């Protein structure tokens, strides 16, 4: 009898642990499914970045015409993180490959620099690209350039947000 109770306890604990580690809930929940679909449908910026000669970031001026929102924001939460894709073998690269998984994140908007006003919070897709966003990371000197997307807007830029000074210069707003 004790062994059965102990086994049930282990199963319950394991189940609780797995649901806690699953990115906020069961994969059957509608919001998790929508976040996973958003990651699946987002562009793959990682493949362009992982090459023997790394590509430079896109000039912010080339991305601004595609932007719906240009905002300064804090990363409030990572709502969904896709699985790490299988890595091709890159024998001609030195050092470790950067992380490149899709994320759906909640941004708390602190300032609108251009485009539409998204309000105080914005849920966006960080497409498959060689960087990761973390809740609470320092984003005080950068701006997110975000294009429209379905079901969530998508962060533009191969390597993440751009320095505020570069964005302001491209927008012609200065300080």
Protein backbone atom coordinates (compact mmCIF):
# COMPACT_ATOMS: atom_id res chain seq x y z
CA UNK A 1 0.00 0.00 0.00
CA UNK A 2 2.82 2.40 0.88
CA UNK A 3 4.53 1.64 -2.41
CA UNK A 4 1.35 2.47 -4.35
CA UNK A 5 0.92 5.76 -2.48
CA UNK A 6 4.59 6.61 -3.01
CA UNK A 7 4.27 5.84 -6.72
CA UNK A 8 1.16 8.03 -7.02
CA UNK A 9 3.01 10.84 -5.23
CA UNK A 10 5.95 10.58 -7.63
CA UNK A 11 3.62 10.60 -10.63
CA UNK A 12 1.74 13.65 -9.30
CA UNK A 13 4.99 15.47 -8.60
CA UNK A 14 6.37 14.63 -12.04
CA UNK A 15 3.17 15.78 -13.69
CA UNK A 16 3.26 19.08 -11.80
CA UNK A 17 6.91 19.56 -12.73
CA UNK A 18 6.31 18.87 -16.42
CA UNK A 19 3.35 21.24 -16.61
CA UNK A 20 5.37 23.97 -14.85
CA UNK A 21 8.24 23.57 -17.31
CA UNK A 22 6.01 23.47 -20.37
CA UNK A 23 6.05 27.23 -20.98
CA UNK A 24 3.00 28.13 -18.94
CA UNK A 25 0.60 25.32 -19.62
CA UNK A 26 -0.45 22.37 -21.62
CA UNK A 27 0.23 22.36 -25.34
CA UNK A 28 -3.50 21.77 -25.79
CA UNK A 29 -4.42 25.22 -24.40
CA UNK A 30 -5.46 27.64 -27.17
CA UNK A 31 -3.01 30.43 -26.24
CA UNK A 32 -0.05 28.02 -26.25
CA UNK A 33 -1.16 26.67 -29.62
CA UNK A 34 -1.41 30.20 -31.03
CA UNK A 35 2.06 31.07 -29.74
CA UNK A 36 3.54 27.90 -31.22
CA UNK A 37 1.80 28.61 -34.55
CA UNK A 38 3.17 32.17 -34.50
CA UNK A 39 6.69 30.81 -34.07
CA UNK A 40 6.20 28.24 -36.81
CA UNK A 41 5.01 30.90 -39.26
CA UNK A 42 7.65 33.52 -38.40
CA UNK A 43 10.68 34.12 -40.65
CA UNK A 44 13.91 32.22 -40.03
CA UNK A 45 16.60 34.86 -39.52
CA UNK A 46 19.05 32.38 -38.03
CA UNK A 47 19.97 30.65 -41.28
CA UNK A 48 21.11 33.93 -42.81
CA UNK A 49 23.22 34.74 -39.75
CA UNK A 50 25.07 31.43 -39.29
CA UNK A 51 27.63 31.49 -42.07
CA UNK A 52 31.41 31.39 -42.26
CA UNK A 53 31.35 35.17 -42.62
CA UNK A 54 28.60 36.55 -40.40
CA UNK A 55 26.20 38.96 -42.02
CA UNK A 56 26.01 42.45 -40.53
CA UNK A 57 22.74 43.67 -39.03
CA UNK A 58 20.29 45.12 -41.52
CA UNK A 59 20.48 48.93 -41.54
CA UNK A 60 17.60 50.18 -39.41
CA UNK A 61 16.64 52.60 -42.20
CA UNK A 62 15.83 49.63 -44.46
CA UNK A 63 13.53 48.12 -41.82
CA UNK A 64 11.60 51.24 -40.81
CA UNK A 65 9.35 51.28 -43.93
CA UNK A 66 8.14 47.79 -42.89
CA UNK A 67 7.59 48.73 -39.23
CA UNK A 68 4.20 49.07 -37.64
CA UNK A 69 5.65 49.95 -34.22
CA UNK A 70 9.01 51.39 -33.22
CA UNK A 71 9.14 51.28 -29.45
CA UNK A 72 11.42 51.38 -26.49
CA UNK A 73 10.23 48.60 -24.18
CA UNK A 74 11.14 46.26 -21.34
CA UNK A 75 10.84 42.50 -21.80
CA UNK A 76 8.17 41.69 -19.19
CA UNK A 77 7.74 37.96 -19.82
CA UNK A 78 8.69 35.20 -22.17
CA UNK A 79 5.30 33.63 -22.91
CA UNK A 80 6.51 30.86 -25.19
CA UNK A 81 9.88 29.53 -26.25
CA UNK A 82 10.09 27.21 -29.22
CA UNK A 83 12.28 24.18 -29.29
CA UNK A 84 15.89 24.62 -30.25
CA UNK A 85 16.16 23.63 -33.90
CA UNK A 86 18.57 20.94 -34.95
CA UNK A 87 21.92 22.46 -35.81
CA UNK A 88 23.62 21.72 -39.05
CA UNK A 89 27.27 20.86 -38.67
CA UNK A 90 29.29 24.01 -39.19
CA UNK A 91 32.88 22.84 -39.33
CA UNK A 92 34.07 26.17 -40.70
CA UNK A 93 32.81 28.24 -37.74
CA UNK A 94 34.90 29.01 -34.70
CA UNK A 95 33.25 29.02 -31.29
CA UNK A 96 29.78 28.04 -30.15
CA UNK A 97 26.76 28.71 -32.30
CA UNK A 98 24.46 31.39 -30.91
CA UNK A 99 21.02 30.42 -29.62
CA UNK A 100 18.35 30.54 -32.28
CA UNK A 101 14.89 29.68 -31.15
CA UNK A 102 11.61 31.44 -31.64
CA UNK A 103 9.99 33.20 -28.69
CA UNK A 104 6.70 34.94 -28.00
CA UNK A 105 7.31 37.73 -25.49
CA UNK A 106 5.35 40.41 -23.69
CA UNK A 107 6.91 43.87 -23.98
CA UNK A 108 5.99 46.70 -21.62
CA UNK A 109 6.18 49.78 -23.85
CA UNK A 110 7.94 52.73 -22.23
CA UNK A 111 8.17 55.03 -25.26
CA UNK A 112 6.88 55.15 -28.83
CA UNK A 113 9.54 56.35 -31.26
CA UNK A 114 7.63 55.87 -34.50
CA UNK A 115 4.72 54.14 -36.17
CA UNK A 116 1.47 53.37 -34.40
CA UNK A 117 0.99 53.54 -30.64
CA UNK A 118 0.54 49.96 -29.39
CA UNK A 119 -0.50 51.02 -25.90
CA UNK A 120 1.32 50.07 -22.73
CA UNK A 121 1.97 46.42 -23.57
CA UNK A 122 2.62 44.43 -26.73
CA UNK A 123 2.86 40.68 -27.35
CA UNK A 124 5.34 39.99 -30.16
CA UNK A 125 7.16 37.14 -31.87
CA UNK A 126 10.94 37.10 -31.74
CA UNK A 127 11.55 34.96 -34.83
CA UNK A 128 14.13 32.21 -35.11
CA UNK A 129 17.28 34.33 -34.90
CA UNK A 130 20.70 34.12 -33.22
CA UNK A 131 19.73 35.83 -29.95
CA UNK A 132 17.32 35.29 -27.07
CA UNK A 133 15.26 37.72 -25.04
CA UNK A 134 14.97 37.34 -21.27
CA UNK A 135 12.44 38.80 -18.87
CA UNK A 136 13.88 41.84 -17.15
CA UNK A 137 16.91 42.19 -19.43
CA UNK A 138 18.31 45.69 -19.81
CA UNK A 139 16.71 47.32 -22.86
CA UNK A 140 17.05 50.98 -21.85
CA UNK A 141 19.26 52.00 -24.79
CA UNK A 142 17.58 50.00 -27.56
CA UNK A 143 14.41 50.14 -29.63
CA UNK A 144 12.34 47.32 -31.04
CA UNK A 145 11.36 47.64 -34.70
CA UNK A 146 8.20 45.56 -35.11
CA UNK A 147 6.16 44.73 -38.21
CA UNK A 148 2.57 43.58 -38.36
CA UNK A 149 2.02 39.85 -38.11
CA UNK A 150 -0.70 37.32 -37.52
CA UNK A 151 -1.48 36.38 -34.79
CA UNK A 152 1.27 38.56 -33.24
CA UNK A 153 3.52 41.34 -34.58
CA UNK A 154 7.11 40.25 -35.40
CA UNK A 155 10.38 41.84 -34.25
CA UNK A 156 12.52 42.87 -37.21
CA UNK A 157 16.29 42.70 -37.26
CA UNK A 158 18.60 39.75 -37.54
CA UNK A 159 20.25 40.40 -34.17
CA UNK A 160 17.49 42.01 -32.11
CA UNK A 161 16.65 45.53 -31.05
CA UNK A 162 18.60 48.51 -32.39
CA UNK A 163 20.44 51.25 -30.47
CA UNK A 164 18.09 54.19 -29.80
CA UNK A 165 20.55 56.66 -31.37
CA UNK A 166 20.58 54.69 -34.67
CA UNK A 167 16.78 54.53 -34.74
CA UNK A 168 16.40 58.23 -33.96
CA UNK A 169 18.95 59.12 -36.67
CA UNK A 170 17.09 56.97 -39.22
CA UNK A 171 13.77 58.54 -38.19
CA UNK A 172 15.33 62.00 -38.29
CA UNK A 173 14.13 62.78 -34.75
CA UNK A 174 17.48 63.21 -33.01
CA UNK A 175 17.51 63.34 -29.22
